[in-house]
């Protein structure tokens, strides 16, 4: 009933939980067993956290596309599509985009003149 009328502040609960665990681990009067239990709890909690907090409305606000030419066909990949690729594919895309693609003065003048 309470949750229907007042939503739960998940960020506050996460901060409070981590601060509580860290304070109990750092407490000089706590026993070794208590510290071990809290360290294990903290480890399990951190393992189950998502990789990043993604704003659900981010994709609606900002649509970013990467255009790739494959066999003279332009393919538009959205940020949302790229997130669903396996990690090694994403790393290869980023590596391909940034490796040896430094723009020199000659390349910049060629781009401007075209």
N, C-alpha and C. Protein backbone atom coordinates (compact mmCIF):
# COMPACT_ATOMS: atom_id res chain seq x y z
N UNK A 1 0.82 -1.19 0.00
CA UNK A 1 0.00 0.00 0.00
C UNK A 1 0.86 1.26 0.00
N UNK A 2 1.88 1.28 0.86
CA UNK A 2 2.73 2.46 0.95
C UNK A 2 3.50 2.69 -0.35
N UNK A 3 3.95 1.62 -0.98
CA UNK A 3 4.73 1.72 -2.20
C UNK A 3 3.91 2.32 -3.35
N UNK A 4 2.60 2.13 -3.35
CA UNK A 4 1.75 2.67 -4.40
C UNK A 4 1.71 4.19 -4.32
N UNK A 5 1.68 4.73 -3.11
CA UNK A 5 1.53 6.17 -2.92
C UNK A 5 2.85 6.91 -2.85
N UNK A 6 3.91 6.24 -2.46
CA UNK A 6 5.21 6.89 -2.37
C UNK A 6 6.25 5.93 -2.94
N UNK A 7 6.78 6.25 -4.13
CA UNK A 7 7.74 5.33 -4.74
C UNK A 7 9.02 5.22 -3.92
N UNK A 8 9.67 4.09 -4.04
CA UNK A 8 10.90 3.83 -3.30
C UNK A 8 12.07 4.51 -4.00
N UNK A 9 12.88 5.21 -3.23
CA UNK A 9 14.07 5.86 -3.77
C UNK A 9 15.20 4.84 -3.77
N UNK A 10 15.39 4.17 -4.91
CA UNK A 10 16.39 3.10 -5.01
C UNK A 10 17.81 3.62 -4.85
N UNK A 11 18.10 4.81 -5.37
CA UNK A 11 19.45 5.36 -5.23
C UNK A 11 19.79 5.58 -3.76
N UNK A 12 18.83 6.12 -3.00
CA UNK A 12 19.05 6.33 -1.57
C UNK A 12 19.31 5.00 -0.86
N UNK A 13 18.48 3.98 -1.17
CA UNK A 13 18.66 2.68 -0.52
C UNK A 13 19.99 2.05 -0.87
N UNK A 14 20.41 2.15 -2.13
CA UNK A 14 21.72 1.61 -2.52
C UNK A 14 22.85 2.30 -1.79
N UNK A 15 22.81 3.64 -1.74
CA UNK A 15 23.85 4.40 -1.01
C UNK A 15 23.87 4.02 0.46
N UNK A 16 22.69 3.96 1.07
CA UNK A 16 22.61 3.63 2.49
C UNK A 16 23.16 2.23 2.75
N UNK A 17 22.80 1.26 1.91
CA UNK A 17 23.25 -0.12 2.09
C UNK A 17 24.78 -0.21 2.01
N UNK A 18 25.35 0.43 1.02
CA UNK A 18 26.82 0.37 0.85
C UNK A 18 27.50 1.08 2.01
N UNK A 19 26.99 2.25 2.40
CA UNK A 19 27.60 2.99 3.52
C UNK A 19 27.51 2.17 4.82
N UNK A 20 26.39 1.51 5.04
CA UNK A 20 26.21 0.69 6.24
C UNK A 20 27.20 -0.47 6.24
N UNK A 21 27.32 -1.16 5.11
CA UNK A 21 28.27 -2.27 5.04
C UNK A 21 29.70 -1.80 5.26
N UNK A 22 30.08 -0.69 4.62
CA UNK A 22 31.44 -0.19 4.77
C UNK A 22 31.73 0.26 6.19
N UNK A 23 30.75 0.88 6.84
CA UNK A 23 30.97 1.31 8.23
C UNK A 23 31.11 0.11 9.16
N UNK A 24 30.35 -0.96 8.90
CA UNK A 24 30.48 -2.16 9.73
C UNK A 24 31.80 -2.88 9.47
N UNK A 25 32.27 -2.85 8.23
CA UNK A 25 33.57 -3.46 7.92
C UNK A 25 34.69 -2.67 8.57
N UNK A 26 34.58 -1.33 8.57
CA UNK A 26 35.63 -0.47 9.13
C UNK A 26 35.57 -0.36 10.65
N UNK A 27 34.50 -0.81 11.26
CA UNK A 27 34.35 -0.71 12.71
C UNK A 27 35.43 -1.55 13.40
N UNK A 28 36.24 -0.90 14.24
CA UNK A 28 37.35 -1.63 14.87
C UNK A 28 36.87 -2.58 15.96
N UNK A 29 35.63 -2.45 16.42
CA UNK A 29 35.12 -3.33 17.46
C UNK A 29 34.38 -4.55 16.92
N UNK A 30 34.18 -4.61 15.59
CA UNK A 30 33.47 -5.77 15.03
C UNK A 30 34.41 -6.98 14.97
N UNK A 31 33.82 -8.15 15.05
CA UNK A 31 34.62 -9.38 15.04
C UNK A 31 35.06 -9.72 13.62
N UNK A 32 36.04 -10.61 13.54
CA UNK A 32 36.53 -11.03 12.23
C UNK A 32 35.43 -11.75 11.45
N UNK A 33 34.62 -12.54 12.12
CA UNK A 33 33.52 -13.25 11.46
C UNK A 33 32.51 -12.26 10.88
N UNK A 34 32.22 -11.21 11.64
CA UNK A 34 31.28 -10.19 11.18
C UNK A 34 31.84 -9.45 9.96
N UNK A 35 33.14 -9.12 10.02
CA UNK A 35 33.77 -8.45 8.88
C UNK A 35 33.75 -9.34 7.64
N UNK A 36 34.06 -10.62 7.83
CA UNK A 36 34.06 -11.56 6.70
C UNK A 36 32.67 -11.67 6.08
N UNK A 37 31.66 -11.76 6.94
CA UNK A 37 30.28 -11.85 6.45
C UNK A 37 29.90 -10.60 5.66
N UNK A 38 30.26 -9.43 6.18
CA UNK A 38 29.93 -8.17 5.50
C UNK A 38 30.72 -8.01 4.20
N UNK A 39 31.98 -8.46 4.19
CA UNK A 39 32.75 -8.41 2.95
C UNK A 39 32.15 -9.34 1.89
N UNK A 40 31.69 -10.51 2.31
CA UNK A 40 31.04 -11.43 1.39
C UNK A 40 29.74 -10.85 0.85
N UNK A 41 28.98 -10.20 1.71
CA UNK A 41 27.72 -9.57 1.30
C UNK A 41 28.00 -8.44 0.31
N UNK A 42 29.02 -7.64 0.61
CA UNK A 42 29.39 -6.55 -0.29
C UNK A 42 29.85 -7.09 -1.65
N UNK A 43 30.64 -8.17 -1.63
CA UNK A 43 31.08 -8.78 -2.88
C UNK A 43 29.93 -9.29 -3.72
N UNK A 44 28.98 -9.98 -3.09
CA UNK A 44 27.81 -10.48 -3.82
C UNK A 44 26.96 -9.33 -4.36
N UNK A 45 26.83 -8.27 -3.56
CA UNK A 45 26.05 -7.11 -3.99
C UNK A 45 26.69 -6.45 -5.21
N UNK A 46 28.00 -6.27 -5.17
CA UNK A 46 28.69 -5.62 -6.29
C UNK A 46 28.68 -6.50 -7.55
N UNK A 47 28.76 -7.81 -7.38
CA UNK A 47 28.71 -8.71 -8.54
C UNK A 47 27.36 -8.65 -9.24
N UNK A 48 26.29 -8.44 -8.49
CA UNK A 48 24.94 -8.43 -9.07
C UNK A 48 24.50 -7.08 -9.57
N UNK A 49 25.33 -6.06 -9.40
CA UNK A 49 24.97 -4.74 -9.89
C UNK A 49 25.11 -4.72 -11.41
N UNK A 50 24.26 -3.96 -12.10
CA UNK A 50 24.43 -3.85 -13.55
C UNK A 50 25.72 -3.11 -13.87
N UNK A 51 26.22 -3.30 -15.10
CA UNK A 51 27.47 -2.67 -15.50
C UNK A 51 27.40 -1.16 -15.41
N UNK A 52 26.29 -0.60 -15.77
CA UNK A 52 26.13 0.84 -15.73
C UNK A 52 24.66 1.17 -15.53
N UNK A 53 24.42 2.32 -14.95
CA UNK A 53 23.04 2.77 -14.80
C UNK A 53 22.64 3.47 -16.09
N UNK A 54 21.71 2.91 -16.80
CA UNK A 54 21.26 3.47 -18.07
C UNK A 54 19.94 4.18 -17.85
N UNK A 55 19.89 5.43 -18.23
CA UNK A 55 18.66 6.20 -18.15
C UNK A 55 17.69 5.63 -19.18
N UNK A 56 16.51 5.14 -18.75
CA UNK A 56 15.59 4.52 -19.72
C UNK A 56 15.11 5.49 -20.79
N UNK A 57 15.15 6.79 -20.51
CA UNK A 57 14.70 7.77 -21.49
C UNK A 57 15.84 8.32 -22.33
N UNK A 58 17.06 7.84 -22.08
CA UNK A 58 18.24 8.33 -22.79
C UNK A 58 18.09 8.12 -24.30
N UNK A 59 17.62 6.95 -24.68
CA UNK A 59 17.51 6.65 -26.10
C UNK A 59 16.42 7.47 -26.75
N UNK A 60 15.43 7.89 -25.98
CA UNK A 60 14.37 8.71 -26.55
C UNK A 60 14.84 10.15 -26.72
N UNK A 61 15.69 10.62 -25.81
CA UNK A 61 16.15 12.00 -25.85
C UNK A 61 17.19 12.22 -26.95
N UNK A 62 18.15 11.33 -27.03
CA UNK A 62 19.29 11.51 -27.93
C UNK A 62 19.46 10.26 -28.78
N UNK A 63 19.13 10.39 -30.04
CA UNK A 63 19.34 9.26 -30.92
C UNK A 63 20.66 9.47 -31.66
N UNK A 64 21.60 8.58 -31.40
CA UNK A 64 22.91 8.65 -32.01
C UNK A 64 23.05 7.45 -32.93
N UNK A 65 23.45 7.71 -34.18
CA UNK A 65 23.63 6.63 -35.14
C UNK A 65 25.06 6.64 -35.64
N UNK A 66 25.59 5.46 -35.84
CA UNK A 66 26.88 5.29 -36.49
C UNK A 66 26.59 4.71 -37.86
N UNK A 67 27.06 5.40 -38.89
CA UNK A 67 26.83 4.92 -40.25
C UNK A 67 28.04 4.11 -40.70
N UNK A 68 27.78 2.92 -41.17
CA UNK A 68 28.83 2.03 -41.65
C UNK A 68 28.49 1.65 -43.09
N UNK A 69 29.49 1.72 -43.96
CA UNK A 69 29.30 1.30 -45.35
C UNK A 69 29.76 -0.13 -45.50
N UNK A 70 28.84 -0.99 -45.93
CA UNK A 70 29.14 -2.40 -46.18
C UNK A 70 28.72 -2.70 -47.61
N UNK A 71 29.69 -3.03 -48.46
CA UNK A 71 29.42 -3.33 -49.87
C UNK A 71 28.60 -2.21 -50.53
N UNK A 72 29.04 -0.98 -50.34
CA UNK A 72 28.39 0.22 -50.91
C UNK A 72 26.96 0.42 -50.42
N UNK A 73 26.60 -0.17 -49.31
CA UNK A 73 25.30 0.07 -48.70
C UNK A 73 25.54 0.70 -47.33
N UNK A 74 24.82 1.75 -47.04
CA UNK A 74 24.96 2.43 -45.75
C UNK A 74 24.04 1.78 -44.74
N UNK A 75 24.62 1.40 -43.61
CA UNK A 75 23.86 0.78 -42.52
C UNK A 75 23.92 1.73 -41.34
N UNK A 76 22.76 2.09 -40.82
CA UNK A 76 22.68 2.94 -39.63
C UNK A 76 22.55 2.07 -38.39
N UNK A 77 23.50 2.19 -37.49
CA UNK A 77 23.44 1.46 -36.23
C UNK A 77 23.15 2.45 -35.11
N UNK A 78 22.08 2.23 -34.40
CA UNK A 78 21.76 3.12 -33.28
C UNK A 78 22.54 2.69 -32.05
N UNK A 79 22.61 3.58 -31.11
CA UNK A 79 23.29 3.31 -29.85
C UNK A 79 22.65 2.11 -29.16
N UNK A 80 21.34 2.01 -29.26
CA UNK A 80 20.60 0.92 -28.65
C UNK A 80 20.98 -0.42 -29.28
N UNK A 81 21.13 -0.44 -30.61
CA UNK A 81 21.53 -1.66 -31.30
C UNK A 81 22.93 -2.10 -30.89
N UNK A 82 23.82 -1.15 -30.79
CA UNK A 82 25.21 -1.46 -30.47
C UNK A 82 25.34 -2.03 -29.05
N UNK A 83 24.50 -1.58 -28.14
CA UNK A 83 24.55 -2.10 -26.76
C UNK A 83 24.20 -3.58 -26.69
N UNK A 84 23.43 -4.07 -27.66
CA UNK A 84 23.05 -5.48 -27.65
C UNK A 84 24.08 -6.40 -28.32
N UNK A 85 25.10 -5.79 -28.95
CA UNK A 85 26.16 -6.60 -29.53
C UNK A 85 26.99 -7.23 -28.42
N UNK A 86 27.64 -8.37 -28.69
CA UNK A 86 28.56 -8.93 -27.70
C UNK A 86 29.72 -7.96 -27.44
N UNK A 87 30.31 -8.07 -26.28
CA UNK A 87 31.35 -7.13 -25.86
C UNK A 87 32.52 -7.09 -26.83
N UNK A 88 32.95 -8.25 -27.34
CA UNK A 88 34.10 -8.25 -28.24
C UNK A 88 33.77 -7.56 -29.57
N UNK A 89 32.52 -7.65 -30.03
CA UNK A 89 32.13 -6.97 -31.27
C UNK A 89 32.14 -5.46 -31.05
N UNK A 90 31.62 -5.01 -29.91
CA UNK A 90 31.64 -3.58 -29.60
C UNK A 90 33.06 -3.05 -29.53
N UNK A 91 33.96 -3.83 -28.89
CA UNK A 91 35.36 -3.40 -28.79
C UNK A 91 36.01 -3.32 -30.16
N UNK A 92 35.69 -4.27 -31.05
CA UNK A 92 36.24 -4.23 -32.41
C UNK A 92 35.74 -3.03 -33.19
N UNK A 93 34.46 -2.69 -33.02
CA UNK A 93 33.91 -1.51 -33.70
C UNK A 93 34.62 -0.26 -33.23
N UNK A 94 34.78 -0.11 -31.93
CA UNK A 94 35.44 1.07 -31.38
C UNK A 94 36.90 1.13 -31.82
N UNK A 95 37.56 -0.01 -31.80
CA UNK A 95 38.97 -0.07 -32.21
C UNK A 95 39.10 0.34 -33.68
N UNK A 96 38.19 -0.16 -34.53
CA UNK A 96 38.23 0.16 -35.94
C UNK A 96 37.96 1.65 -36.18
N UNK A 97 37.08 2.22 -35.40
CA UNK A 97 36.76 3.63 -35.57
C UNK A 97 37.92 4.54 -35.17
N UNK A 98 38.68 4.16 -34.16
CA UNK A 98 39.69 5.05 -33.61
C UNK A 98 41.12 4.74 -34.02
N UNK A 99 41.41 3.53 -34.49
CA UNK A 99 42.78 3.20 -34.86
C UNK A 99 43.16 3.85 -36.19
N UNK A 100 44.30 4.52 -36.17
CA UNK A 100 44.89 5.11 -37.38
C UNK A 100 43.92 6.01 -38.14
N UNK A 101 43.07 6.71 -37.44
CA UNK A 101 42.14 7.62 -38.08
C UNK A 101 42.40 9.06 -37.66
N UNK A 102 43.65 9.36 -37.40
CA UNK A 102 44.01 10.72 -37.00
C UNK A 102 43.88 11.64 -38.21
N UNK A 103 43.28 12.78 -38.02
CA UNK A 103 43.10 13.73 -39.12
C UNK A 103 44.29 14.68 -39.12
N UNK A 104 45.04 14.64 -40.21
CA UNK A 104 46.19 15.53 -40.37
C UNK A 104 45.74 16.79 -41.10
N UNK A 105 46.65 17.74 -41.25
CA UNK A 105 46.33 18.98 -41.96
C UNK A 105 45.93 18.70 -43.41
N UNK A 106 46.63 17.75 -44.04
CA UNK A 106 46.33 17.42 -45.43
C UNK A 106 44.93 16.83 -45.57
N UNK A 107 44.60 15.92 -44.69
CA UNK A 107 43.27 15.28 -44.72
C UNK A 107 42.18 16.31 -44.43
N UNK A 108 42.43 17.20 -43.46
CA UNK A 108 41.44 18.23 -43.12
C UNK A 108 41.21 19.17 -44.30
N UNK A 109 42.28 19.60 -44.97
CA UNK A 109 42.11 20.51 -46.11
C UNK A 109 41.39 19.79 -47.26
N UNK A 110 41.69 18.50 -47.46
CA UNK A 110 41.00 17.72 -48.49
C UNK A 110 39.50 17.63 -48.21
N UNK A 111 39.14 17.41 -46.91
CA UNK A 111 37.73 17.32 -46.52
C UNK A 111 37.04 18.66 -46.74
N UNK A 112 37.71 19.74 -46.39
CA UNK A 112 37.11 21.07 -46.52
C UNK A 112 36.93 21.44 -47.99
N UNK A 113 37.92 21.08 -48.82
CA UNK A 113 37.86 21.42 -50.25
C UNK A 113 36.89 20.54 -51.03
N UNK A 114 36.46 19.43 -50.49
CA UNK A 114 35.57 18.56 -51.26
C UNK A 114 34.12 18.95 -51.15
